Amino acid sequence: MEIRMEYYLVLSTIMMFVGIYGFFTRRNLLAMLISVELILNSADINFAVFNRFLFPGQLEGFFFALFAIGVSAAETAVAIAIIINVYRNIRNIQVKNLKELKF
């Protein structure tokens, strides 16, 4: 039994909108980072699904997904380092408190 393409795309769409909703409604830097990761993972699912169904003998979509995962890991490392520095300076990671870091 093969899972249809539409199911993967529905899952990816739900992940994308949950990530967008989380990014715009959360005020915690860590929750916003998790929301961005959800958005990037939904794009990775799309890369893999379109490669599998449109070009079954080729691996370009999977390589794009692996590259995106690598970029996502680097982005997460940098973002967590920034969040740690923010916490060390103001002892809070709420977005509303970041105005103190301006010039």
N, C-alpha and C. Protein backbone atom coordinates (compact mmCIF):
# COMPACT_ATOMS: atom_id res chain seq x y z
N MET A 1 0.84 -1.18 0.00
CA MET A 1 0.00 0.00 0.00
C MET A 1 0.88 1.24 0.00
N GLU A 2 0.64 2.10 -0.95
CA GLU A 2 1.45 3.31 -1.08
C GLU A 2 0.67 4.52 -0.58
N ILE A 3 1.34 5.36 0.15
CA ILE A 3 0.71 6.58 0.65
C ILE A 3 0.69 7.61 -0.48
N ARG A 4 -0.44 8.23 -0.67
CA ARG A 4 -0.59 9.18 -1.76
C ARG A 4 0.14 10.48 -1.46
N MET A 5 0.48 11.18 -2.53
CA MET A 5 1.23 12.41 -2.42
C MET A 5 0.48 13.48 -1.62
N GLU A 6 -0.83 13.50 -1.76
CA GLU A 6 -1.62 14.53 -1.09
C GLU A 6 -1.50 14.45 0.44
N TYR A 7 -1.36 13.26 0.97
CA TYR A 7 -1.23 13.12 2.42
C TYR A 7 0.06 13.76 2.93
N TYR A 8 1.14 13.56 2.19
CA TYR A 8 2.40 14.20 2.56
C TYR A 8 2.28 15.72 2.48
N LEU A 9 1.62 16.19 1.43
CA LEU A 9 1.49 17.64 1.26
C LEU A 9 0.58 18.25 2.32
N VAL A 10 -0.45 17.52 2.74
CA VAL A 10 -1.31 18.01 3.82
C VAL A 10 -0.51 18.08 5.11
N LEU A 11 0.29 17.07 5.40
CA LEU A 11 1.14 17.09 6.59
C LEU A 11 2.11 18.27 6.54
N SER A 12 2.73 18.48 5.40
CA SER A 12 3.67 19.58 5.24
C SER A 12 2.98 20.93 5.40
N THR A 13 1.78 21.06 4.86
CA THR A 13 1.04 22.31 4.99
C THR A 13 0.65 22.58 6.43
N ILE A 14 0.22 21.55 7.13
CA ILE A 14 -0.13 21.72 8.54
C ILE A 14 1.09 22.14 9.35
N MET A 15 2.23 21.49 9.08
CA MET A 15 3.46 21.87 9.78
C MET A 15 3.85 23.31 9.48
N MET A 16 3.69 23.73 8.23
CA MET A 16 4.04 25.09 7.84
C MET A 16 3.17 26.10 8.59
N PHE A 17 1.85 25.88 8.62
CA PHE A 17 0.97 26.84 9.26
C PHE A 17 1.10 26.81 10.78
N VAL A 18 1.38 25.67 11.37
CA VAL A 18 1.65 25.62 12.81
C VAL A 18 2.92 26.40 13.13
N GLY A 19 3.93 26.27 12.28
CA GLY A 19 5.16 27.03 12.48
C GLY A 19 4.95 28.53 12.34
N ILE A 20 4.19 28.94 11.33
CA ILE A 20 3.91 30.36 11.14
C ILE A 20 3.10 30.91 12.31
N TYR A 21 2.08 30.15 12.72
CA TYR A 21 1.26 30.58 13.86
C TYR A 21 2.11 30.69 15.12
N GLY A 22 2.96 29.69 15.36
CA GLY A 22 3.81 29.72 16.54
C GLY A 22 4.80 30.86 16.53
N PHE A 23 5.33 31.19 15.35
CA PHE A 23 6.29 32.28 15.26
C PHE A 23 5.65 33.62 15.56
N PHE A 24 4.44 33.82 15.08
CA PHE A 24 3.79 35.12 15.28
C PHE A 24 3.09 35.26 16.62
N THR A 25 2.79 34.16 17.30
CA THR A 25 2.07 34.28 18.57
C THR A 25 2.95 34.10 19.79
N ARG A 26 4.08 33.46 19.68
CA ARG A 26 4.94 33.23 20.84
C ARG A 26 5.81 34.45 21.10
N ARG A 27 6.10 34.68 22.34
CA ARG A 27 6.96 35.79 22.74
C ARG A 27 8.26 35.29 23.36
N ASN A 28 8.49 34.00 23.32
CA ASN A 28 9.70 33.40 23.86
C ASN A 28 10.63 33.09 22.70
N LEU A 29 11.89 33.45 22.81
CA LEU A 29 12.82 33.24 21.70
C LEU A 29 12.99 31.76 21.37
N LEU A 30 13.00 30.91 22.36
CA LEU A 30 13.17 29.48 22.10
C LEU A 30 11.95 28.90 21.38
N ALA A 31 10.76 29.31 21.76
CA ALA A 31 9.55 28.85 21.07
C ALA A 31 9.52 29.35 19.63
N MET A 32 10.01 30.56 19.41
CA MET A 32 10.07 31.09 18.04
C MET A 32 11.07 30.30 17.20
N LEU A 33 12.18 29.89 17.81
CA LEU A 33 13.16 29.07 17.10
C LEU A 33 12.57 27.72 16.72
N ILE A 34 11.82 27.11 17.61
CA ILE A 34 11.17 25.83 17.31
C ILE A 34 10.17 26.00 16.18
N SER A 35 9.47 27.12 16.14
CA SER A 35 8.53 27.39 15.07
C SER A 35 9.24 27.53 13.72
N VAL A 36 10.37 28.18 13.71
CA VAL A 36 11.15 28.29 12.47
C VAL A 36 11.62 26.91 12.02
N GLU A 37 12.00 26.07 12.95
CA GLU A 37 12.41 24.71 12.60
C GLU A 37 11.26 23.91 12.00
N LEU A 38 10.05 24.12 12.50
CA LEU A 38 8.88 23.46 11.90
C LEU A 38 8.69 23.89 10.46
N ILE A 39 8.86 25.17 10.19
CA ILE A 39 8.72 25.68 8.83
C ILE A 39 9.77 25.06 7.92
N LEU A 40 11.01 24.98 8.39
CA LEU A 40 12.08 24.40 7.57
C LEU A 40 11.86 22.90 7.35
N ASN A 41 11.36 22.20 8.35
CA ASN A 41 11.09 20.77 8.18
C ASN A 41 9.95 20.52 7.20
N SER A 42 8.97 21.41 7.16
CA SER A 42 7.91 21.25 6.17
C SER A 42 8.46 21.43 4.76
N ALA A 43 9.40 22.33 4.58
CA ALA A 43 10.03 22.48 3.26
C ALA A 43 10.84 21.23 2.91
N ASP A 44 11.50 20.63 3.88
CA ASP A 44 12.26 19.40 3.63
C ASP A 44 11.34 18.26 3.20
N ILE A 45 10.18 18.18 3.82
CA ILE A 45 9.21 17.14 3.42
C ILE A 45 8.79 17.37 1.97
N ASN A 46 8.56 18.63 1.60
CA ASN A 46 8.18 18.92 0.22
C ASN A 46 9.28 18.52 -0.76
N PHE A 47 10.54 18.80 -0.43
CA PHE A 47 11.65 18.40 -1.30
C PHE A 47 11.63 16.89 -1.54
N ALA A 48 11.52 16.15 -0.47
CA ALA A 48 11.56 14.69 -0.58
C ALA A 48 10.34 14.13 -1.32
N VAL A 49 9.18 14.67 -1.04
CA VAL A 49 7.95 14.16 -1.66
C VAL A 49 7.92 14.44 -3.16
N PHE A 50 8.23 15.67 -3.54
CA PHE A 50 8.21 15.98 -4.96
C PHE A 50 9.28 15.21 -5.72
N ASN A 51 10.41 14.97 -5.09
CA ASN A 51 11.43 14.16 -5.74
C ASN A 51 10.94 12.72 -5.92
N ARG A 52 10.33 12.18 -4.90
CA ARG A 52 9.88 10.79 -4.97
C ARG A 52 8.79 10.57 -6.00
N PHE A 53 7.85 11.48 -6.09
CA PHE A 53 6.72 11.28 -6.99
C PHE A 53 6.94 11.82 -8.40
N LEU A 54 7.74 12.86 -8.56
CA LEU A 54 7.95 13.43 -9.89
C LEU A 54 9.18 12.85 -10.59
N PHE A 55 10.23 12.59 -9.83
CA PHE A 55 11.47 12.07 -10.39
C PHE A 55 11.95 10.88 -9.55
N PRO A 56 11.28 9.73 -9.66
CA PRO A 56 11.56 8.62 -8.74
C PRO A 56 12.97 8.04 -8.85
N GLY A 57 13.62 8.17 -9.98
CA GLY A 57 14.95 7.58 -10.13
C GLY A 57 16.08 8.50 -9.74
N GLN A 58 15.77 9.74 -9.41
CA GLN A 58 16.82 10.72 -9.12
C GLN A 58 16.79 11.09 -7.65
N LEU A 59 17.88 11.70 -7.19
CA LEU A 59 18.01 12.00 -5.76
C LEU A 59 18.19 13.48 -5.46
N GLU A 60 17.90 14.36 -6.41
CA GLU A 60 18.14 15.78 -6.17
C GLU A 60 17.31 16.32 -5.01
N GLY A 61 16.06 15.92 -4.92
CA GLY A 61 15.21 16.40 -3.82
C GLY A 61 15.73 15.97 -2.47
N PHE A 62 16.25 14.76 -2.39
CA PHE A 62 16.80 14.28 -1.12
C PHE A 62 18.08 15.03 -0.77
N PHE A 63 18.90 15.34 -1.79
CA PHE A 63 20.10 16.11 -1.52
C PHE A 63 19.77 17.53 -1.08
N PHE A 64 18.74 18.12 -1.69
CA PHE A 64 18.29 19.44 -1.24
C PHE A 64 17.81 19.37 0.21
N ALA A 65 17.08 18.32 0.54
CA ALA A 65 16.59 18.16 1.91
C ALA A 65 17.75 17.99 2.89
N LEU A 66 18.75 17.20 2.52
CA LEU A 66 19.91 17.03 3.40
C LEU A 66 20.68 18.33 3.57
N PHE A 67 20.83 19.09 2.49
CA PHE A 67 21.49 20.38 2.57
C PHE A 67 20.70 21.32 3.46
N ALA A 68 19.38 21.32 3.32
CA ALA A 68 18.54 22.19 4.15
C ALA A 68 18.62 21.79 5.61
N ILE A 69 18.72 20.50 5.90
CA ILE A 69 18.88 20.04 7.28
C ILE A 69 20.21 20.53 7.85
N GLY A 70 21.26 20.49 7.04
CA GLY A 70 22.56 21.00 7.49
C GLY A 70 22.53 22.49 7.77
N VAL A 71 21.90 23.25 6.89
CA VAL A 71 21.76 24.69 7.10
C VAL A 71 20.92 24.96 8.34
N SER A 72 19.88 24.17 8.53
CA SER A 72 19.01 24.31 9.70
C SER A 72 19.77 24.03 10.99
N ALA A 73 20.65 23.04 10.97
CA ALA A 73 21.45 22.74 12.16
C ALA A 73 22.40 23.89 12.48
N ALA A 74 23.01 24.46 11.47
CA ALA A 74 23.91 25.59 11.69
C ALA A 74 23.13 26.81 12.20
N GLU A 75 21.96 27.04 11.63
CA GLU A 75 21.11 28.15 12.07
C GLU A 75 20.68 27.97 13.51
N THR A 76 20.36 26.75 13.89
CA THR A 76 19.96 26.47 15.27
C THR A 76 21.11 26.71 16.23
N ALA A 77 22.30 26.29 15.86
CA ALA A 77 23.46 26.50 16.73
C ALA A 77 23.72 27.99 16.95
N VAL A 78 23.65 28.78 15.89
CA VAL A 78 23.87 30.22 16.02
C VAL A 78 22.76 30.86 16.84
N ALA A 79 21.51 30.45 16.60
CA ALA A 79 20.38 31.03 17.33
C ALA A 79 20.45 30.69 18.82
N ILE A 80 20.83 29.47 19.15
CA ILE A 80 20.94 29.11 20.56
C ILE A 80 22.08 29.87 21.23
N ALA A 81 23.17 30.10 20.51
CA ALA A 81 24.26 30.90 21.06
C ALA A 81 23.79 32.33 21.32
N ILE A 82 23.00 32.89 20.42
CA ILE A 82 22.46 34.23 20.63
C ILE A 82 21.50 34.25 21.82
N ILE A 83 20.66 33.25 21.91
CA ILE A 83 19.71 33.18 23.03
C ILE A 83 20.44 33.06 24.36
N ILE A 84 21.51 32.28 24.40
CA ILE A 84 22.30 32.16 25.63
C ILE A 84 22.93 33.50 26.01
N ASN A 85 23.45 34.24 25.02
CA ASN A 85 24.02 35.56 25.32
C ASN A 85 22.96 36.55 25.78
N VAL A 86 21.78 36.49 25.19
CA VAL A 86 20.68 37.35 25.64
C VAL A 86 20.32 37.02 27.08
N TYR A 87 20.25 35.74 27.40
CA TYR A 87 19.90 35.34 28.76
C TYR A 87 20.97 35.79 29.75
N ARG A 88 22.22 35.71 29.36
CA ARG A 88 23.30 36.15 30.26
C ARG A 88 23.23 37.64 30.53
N ASN A 89 22.81 38.41 29.54
CA ASN A 89 22.78 39.87 29.70
C ASN A 89 21.55 40.36 30.44
N ILE A 90 20.39 39.84 30.13
CA ILE A 90 19.17 40.41 30.73
C ILE A 90 18.38 39.39 31.55
N ARG A 91 18.87 38.17 31.68
CA ARG A 91 18.25 37.12 32.51
C ARG A 91 16.81 36.80 32.11
N ASN A 92 16.52 36.95 30.81
CA ASN A 92 15.18 36.66 30.32
C ASN A 92 15.28 36.46 28.80
N ILE A 93 14.44 35.59 28.26
CA ILE A 93 14.48 35.39 26.81
C ILE A 93 13.14 35.76 26.16
N GLN A 94 12.41 36.66 26.78
CA GLN A 94 11.18 37.16 26.19
C GLN A 94 11.51 38.25 25.18
N VAL A 95 10.77 38.27 24.08
CA VAL A 95 11.04 39.21 23.01
C VAL A 95 10.84 40.65 23.46
N LYS A 96 9.87 40.90 24.32
CA LYS A 96 9.57 42.27 24.75
C LYS A 96 10.73 42.90 25.52
N ASN A 97 11.60 42.08 26.08
CA ASN A 97 12.74 42.60 26.85
C ASN A 97 13.97 42.86 25.99
N LEU A 98 13.90 42.61 24.72
CA LEU A 98 15.07 42.80 23.88
C LEU A 98 15.31 44.26 23.50
N LYS A 99 14.40 45.14 23.84
CA LYS A 99 14.60 46.56 23.57
C LYS A 99 15.77 47.10 24.38
N GLU A 100 16.11 46.43 25.47
CA GLU A 100 17.23 46.86 26.30
C GLU A 100 18.57 46.66 25.60
N LEU A 101 18.60 45.83 24.56
CA LEU A 101 19.86 45.55 23.88
C LEU A 101 20.17 46.52 22.76
N LYS A 102 19.24 47.42 22.46
CA LYS A 102 19.49 48.40 21.39
C LYS A 102 20.56 49.37 21.84
N PHE A 103 21.12 50.13 20.89
CA PHE A 103 22.23 51.03 21.17
C PHE A 103 22.00 51.78 22.43
